[in-house]
Amino acid sequence: MTVTFARLTPELLITDLARSLHFWVDLIGFRIAFDRPEDGFAYLDLDGAQVMLERRDPASRQWETGPLEPPLGRGINFEIGVPAVEPILARLEAAGWPLFLAVEDQWYRAGEVEVGQRQFLVQDPDGYLLRPAASLGERPVRMRGGEPGSP
């Protein structure tokens, strides 16, 4: 199988590969591009969004910069561009998986336009925060404080 590697691919230390693969593959929709189960490793892809999962092993060479305490990944969320969030939401609901933040439509200023996305937040089994987001398109920047784009 040929894999086109993303230029930036986070590698997440996890506690249980099977449990993480259930979440990332079965619920979110990633596919396993390749794996090394004997090492507790899987490289995942979802239409070019890629992530590596590696089971934490204190005896191996893993680059831990400090204590790992759940929830892991505090201070970061991984935005994943998807065609639609509804299929993911349906799988999560069917599995009884809680959302961290309910689905919402959000608009963000990007230069002279606002870009919209339907998004929600969900934590993986180790506490990493994912933000699947589907595009709502662009619109002109709304007036703020009487001036276009001003606060």
C-alpha atoms as a PDB file:
ATOM      1  CA  MET A   1       0.000   0.000   0.000  1.00  0.00           C
ATOM      2  CA  THR A   2       1.338   3.412  -0.955  1.00  0.00           C
ATOM      3  CA  VAL A   3       0.956   6.187   1.595  1.00  0.00           C
ATOM      4  CA  THR A   4       1.386   9.860   0.794  1.00  0.00           C
ATOM      5  CA  PHE A   5       2.727  11.253   4.034  1.00  0.00           C
ATOM      6  CA  ALA A   6       1.488  14.576   5.402  1.00  0.00           C
ATOM      7  CA  ARG A   7       4.142  17.191   6.040  1.00  0.00           C
ATOM      8  CA  LEU A   8       3.085  17.399   9.692  1.00  0.00           C
ATOM      9  CA  THR A   9       1.884  14.273  11.459  1.00  0.00           C
ATOM     10  CA  PRO A  10       1.392  14.236  15.226  1.00  0.00           C
ATOM     11  CA  GLU A  11       2.442  11.079  17.044  1.00  0.00           C
ATOM     12  CA  LEU A  12       0.320  10.529  20.129  1.00  0.00           C
ATOM     13  CA  LEU A  13       1.350   8.331  23.030  1.00  0.00           C
ATOM     14  CA  ILE A  14      -1.626   6.226  24.089  1.00  0.00           C
ATOM     15  CA  THR A  15      -2.355   3.602  26.726  1.00  0.00           C
ATOM     16  CA  ASP A  16      -4.334   0.972  24.765  1.00  0.00           C
ATOM     17  CA  LEU A  17      -3.995   0.562  20.990  1.00  0.00           C
ATOM     18  CA  ALA A  18      -7.154  -1.530  20.505  1.00  0.00           C
ATOM     19  CA  ARG A  19      -9.275   0.962  22.428  1.00  0.00           C
ATOM     20  CA  SER A  20      -7.747   3.897  20.549  1.00  0.00           C
ATOM     21  CA  LEU A  21      -8.244   2.206  17.167  1.00  0.00           C
ATOM     22  CA  HIS A  22     -11.913   1.604  17.994  1.00  0.00           C
ATOM     23  CA  PHE A  23     -12.326   5.331  18.592  1.00  0.00           C
ATOM     24  CA  TRP A  24     -10.180   6.699  15.747  1.00  0.00           C
ATOM     25  CA  VAL A  25     -11.159   4.143  13.076  1.00  0.00           C
ATOM     26  CA  ASP A  26     -14.644   2.872  13.947  1.00  0.00           C
ATOM     27  CA  LEU A  27     -16.093   6.092  15.360  1.00  0.00           C
ATOM     28  CA  ILE A  28     -14.192   8.966  13.739  1.00  0.00           C
ATOM     29  CA  GLY A  29     -13.597   7.296  10.378  1.00  0.00           C
ATOM     30  CA  PHE A  30      -9.819   7.080   9.955  1.00  0.00           C
ATOM     31  CA  ARG A  31      -8.316   4.070   8.177  1.00  0.00           C
ATOM     32  CA  ILE A  32      -5.153   2.239   9.171  1.00  0.00           C
ATOM     33  CA  ALA A  33      -2.572   3.152   6.518  1.00  0.00           C
ATOM     34  CA  PHE A  34      -0.114   0.745   8.156  1.00  0.00           C
ATOM     35  CA  ASP A  35       0.567  -0.610  11.601  1.00  0.00           C
ATOM     36  CA  ARG A  36       3.003  -2.547  13.724  1.00  0.00           C
ATOM     37  CA  PRO A  37       0.804  -4.229  16.344  1.00  0.00           C
ATOM     38  CA  GLU A  38       3.856  -5.878  17.933  1.00  0.00           C
ATOM     39  CA  ASP A  39       5.101  -2.367  18.741  1.00  0.00           C
ATOM     40  CA  GLY A  40       1.685  -0.962  19.672  1.00  0.00           C
ATOM     41  CA  PHE A  41       1.830   1.400  16.679  1.00  0.00           C
ATOM     42  CA  ALA A  42      -0.600   2.477  13.962  1.00  0.00           C
ATOM     43  CA  TYR A  43      -0.394   5.163  11.262  1.00  0.00           C
ATOM     44  CA  LEU A  44      -3.869   6.487  10.469  1.00  0.00           C
ATOM     45  CA  ASP A  45      -5.252   8.503   7.571  1.00  0.00           C
ATOM     46  CA  LEU A  46      -8.549  10.264   6.885  1.00  0.00           C
ATOM     47  CA  ASP A  47      -8.443  11.868   3.432  1.00  0.00           C
ATOM     48  CA  GLY A  48      -4.930  13.247   4.056  1.00  0.00           C
ATOM     49  CA  ALA A  49      -5.385  14.069   7.753  1.00  0.00           C
ATOM     50  CA  GLN A  50      -2.876  11.788   9.446  1.00  0.00           C
ATOM     51  CA  VAL A  51      -1.944  10.796  12.960  1.00  0.00           C
ATOM     52  CA  MET A  52       0.331   8.183  14.487  1.00  0.00           C
ATOM     53  CA  LEU A  53      -0.709   6.310  17.608  1.00  0.00           C
ATOM     54  CA  GLU A  54       1.943   4.643  19.752  1.00  0.00           C
ATOM     55  CA  ARG A  55       1.320   2.694  22.940  1.00  0.00           C
ATOM     56  CA  ARG A  56       3.270   4.272  25.770  1.00  0.00           C
ATOM     57  CA  ASP A  57       6.147   2.125  26.967  1.00  0.00           C
ATOM     58  CA  PRO A  58       8.352   3.743  29.639  1.00  0.00           C
ATOM     59  CA  ALA A  59      11.115   1.207  28.828  1.00  0.00           C
ATOM     60  CA  SER A  60      11.383   2.245  25.175  1.00  0.00           C
ATOM     61  CA  ARG A  61      12.752   5.332  23.438  1.00  0.00           C
ATOM     62  CA  GLN A  62       9.831   7.749  23.530  1.00  0.00           C
ATOM     63  CA  TRP A  63      10.281  11.480  23.759  1.00  0.00           C
ATOM     64  CA  GLU A  64       8.432  12.391  26.926  1.00  0.00           C
ATOM     65  CA  THR A  65       9.189  15.932  28.012  1.00  0.00           C
ATOM     66  CA  GLY A  66       7.362  15.648  31.308  1.00  0.00           C
ATOM     67  CA  PRO A  67       4.960  13.504  33.310  1.00  0.00           C
ATOM     68  CA  LEU A  68       2.054  12.084  31.300  1.00  0.00           C
ATOM     69  CA  GLU A  69      -1.117  12.416  33.332  1.00  0.00           C
ATOM     70  CA  PRO A  70      -4.636  11.984  31.971  1.00  0.00           C
ATOM     71  CA  PRO A  71      -6.163  13.674  30.154  1.00  0.00           C
ATOM     72  CA  LEU A  72      -3.269  13.661  27.702  1.00  0.00           C
ATOM     73  CA  GLY A  73      -2.830  16.457  25.178  1.00  0.00           C
ATOM     74  CA  ARG A  74      -3.981  19.251  27.458  1.00  0.00           C
ATOM     75  CA  GLY A  75      -3.821  22.586  25.672  1.00  0.00           C
ATOM     76  CA  ILE A  76      -4.172  21.255  22.138  1.00  0.00           C
ATOM     77  CA  ASN A  77      -7.015  20.219  19.902  1.00  0.00           C
ATOM     78  CA  PHE A  78      -6.657  18.572  16.530  1.00  0.00           C
ATOM     79  CA  GLU A  79      -8.928  20.081  13.895  1.00  0.00           C
ATOM     80  CA  ILE A  80      -9.771  17.512  11.241  1.00  0.00           C
ATOM     81  CA  GLY A  81     -11.368  18.704   8.012  1.00  0.00           C
ATOM     82  CA  VAL A  82     -14.224  16.378   7.055  1.00  0.00           C
ATOM     83  CA  PRO A  83     -16.915  16.575   4.353  1.00  0.00           C
ATOM     84  CA  ALA A  84     -19.692  16.414   7.005  1.00  0.00           C
ATOM     85  CA  VAL A  85     -19.773  16.013  10.784  1.00  0.00           C
ATOM     86  CA  GLU A  86     -23.164  14.293  10.926  1.00  0.00           C
ATOM     87  CA  PRO A  87     -21.945  10.736  10.117  1.00  0.00           C
ATOM     88  CA  ILE A  88     -19.293  10.990  12.830  1.00  0.00           C
ATOM     89  CA  LEU A  89     -21.815  12.360  15.305  1.00  0.00           C
ATOM     90  CA  ALA A  90     -24.175   9.458  14.512  1.00  0.00           C
ATOM     91  CA  ARG A  91     -21.439   6.860  15.161  1.00  0.00           C
ATOM     92  CA  LEU A  92     -20.420   8.534  18.404  1.00  0.00           C
ATOM     93  CA  GLU A  93     -24.030   8.697  19.581  1.00  0.00           C
ATOM     94  CA  ALA A  94     -24.655   5.052  18.690  1.00  0.00           C
ATOM     95  CA  ALA A  95     -21.583   4.105  20.731  1.00  0.00           C
ATOM     96  CA  GLY A  96     -22.704   6.273  23.666  1.00  0.00           C
ATOM     97  CA  TRP A  97     -19.521   8.348  23.348  1.00  0.00           C
ATOM     98  CA  PRO A  98     -19.860  11.759  25.061  1.00  0.00           C
ATOM     99  CA  LEU A  99     -19.043  15.021  23.317  1.00  0.00           C
ATOM    100  CA  PHE A 100     -16.788  17.589  24.962  1.00  0.00           C
ATOM    101  CA  LEU A 101     -18.567  20.412  23.079  1.00  0.00           C
ATOM    102  CA  ALA A 102     -21.825  19.971  21.165  1.00  0.00           C
ATOM    103  CA  VAL A 103     -21.991  20.603  17.442  1.00  0.00           C
ATOM    104  CA  GLU A 104     -22.020  24.283  16.495  1.00  0.00           C
ATOM    105  CA  ASP A 105     -21.681  26.506  13.464  1.00  0.00           C
ATOM    106  CA  GLN A 106     -18.772  28.896  13.953  1.00  0.00           C
ATOM    107  CA  TRP A 107     -17.367  31.690  11.798  1.00  0.00           C
ATOM    108  CA  TYR A 108     -13.753  32.854  12.009  1.00  0.00           C
ATOM    109  CA  ARG A 109     -12.275  35.981  10.428  1.00  0.00           C
ATOM    110  CA  ALA A 110      -9.498  35.171   7.971  1.00  0.00           C
ATOM    111  CA  GLY A 111      -8.280  38.410   6.430  1.00  0.00           C
ATOM    112  CA  GLU A 112     -11.113  40.086   4.532  1.00  0.00           C
ATOM    113  CA  VAL A 113     -13.588  37.197   4.849  1.00  0.00           C
ATOM    114  CA  GLU A 114     -15.059  34.930   7.464  1.00  0.00           C
ATOM    115  CA  VAL A 115     -14.791  31.205   7.000  1.00  0.00           C
ATOM    116  CA  GLY A 116     -17.469  29.042   8.517  1.00  0.00           C
ATOM    117  CA  GLN A 117     -17.425  25.530   9.800  1.00  0.00           C
ATOM    118  CA  ARG A 118     -19.748  23.127  11.547  1.00  0.00           C
ATOM    119  CA  GLN A 119     -17.695  21.607  14.339  1.00  0.00           C
ATOM    120  CA  PHE A 120     -17.744  19.797  17.658  1.00  0.00           C
ATOM    121  CA  LEU A 121     -15.180  18.568  20.184  1.00  0.00           C
ATOM    122  CA  VAL A 122     -14.704  15.021  21.422  1.00  0.00           C
ATOM    123  CA  GLN A 123     -11.998  13.386  23.521  1.00  0.00           C
ATOM    124  CA  ASP A 124     -10.313  10.148  22.510  1.00  0.00           C
ATOM    125  CA  PRO A 125      -9.802   7.405  25.148  1.00  0.00           C
ATOM    126  CA  ASP A 126      -6.635   9.092  26.448  1.00  0.00           C
ATOM    127  CA  GLY A 127      -8.115  12.595  26.559  1.00  0.00           C
ATOM    128  CA  TYR A 128      -6.739  14.025  23.299  1.00  0.00           C
ATOM    129  CA  LEU A 129      -9.211  16.574  21.974  1.00  0.00           C
ATOM    130  CA  LEU A 130     -10.420  16.257  18.366  1.00  0.00           C
ATOM    131  CA  ARG A 131     -12.400  18.881  16.469  1.00  0.00           C
ATOM    132  CA  PRO A 132     -13.984  17.441  13.316  1.00  0.00           C
ATOM    133  CA  ALA A 133     -14.999  20.403  11.154  1.00  0.00           C
ATOM    134  CA  ALA A 134     -16.954  20.667   7.886  1.00  0.00           C
ATOM    135  CA  SER A 135     -16.776  23.811   5.773  1.00  0.00           C
ATOM    136  CA  LEU A 136     -19.745  26.180   5.627  1.00  0.00           C
ATOM    137  CA  GLY A 137     -18.022  28.353   3.036  1.00  0.00           C
ATOM    138  CA  GLU A 138     -17.036  32.013   3.222  1.00  0.00           C
ATOM    139  CA  ARG A 139     -18.850  35.289   3.756  1.00  0.00           C
ATOM    140  CA  PRO A 140     -17.866  38.954   3.991  1.00  0.00           C
ATOM    141  CA  VAL A 141     -16.552  40.076   7.369  1.00  0.00           C
ATOM    142  CA  ARG A 142     -19.442  41.309   9.486  1.00  0.00           C
ATOM    143  CA  MET A 143     -19.427  44.850  10.801  1.00  0.00           C
ATOM    144  CA  ARG A 144     -18.018  45.172  14.332  1.00  0.00           C
ATOM    145  CA  GLY A 145     -17.962  48.415  16.255  1.00  0.00           C
ATOM    146  CA  GLY A 146     -19.105  50.335  13.188  1.00  0.00           C
ATOM    147  CA  GLU A 147     -16.085  49.439  11.041  1.00  0.00           C
ATOM    148  CA  PRO A 148     -15.679  46.353   8.895  1.00  0.00           C
ATOM    149  CA  GLY A 149     -13.562  43.835  10.814  1.00  0.00           C
ATOM    150  CA  SER A 150     -13.039  46.059  13.876  1.00  0.00           C
ATOM    151  CA  PRO A 151     -13.682  44.662  17.361  1.00  0.00           C
END
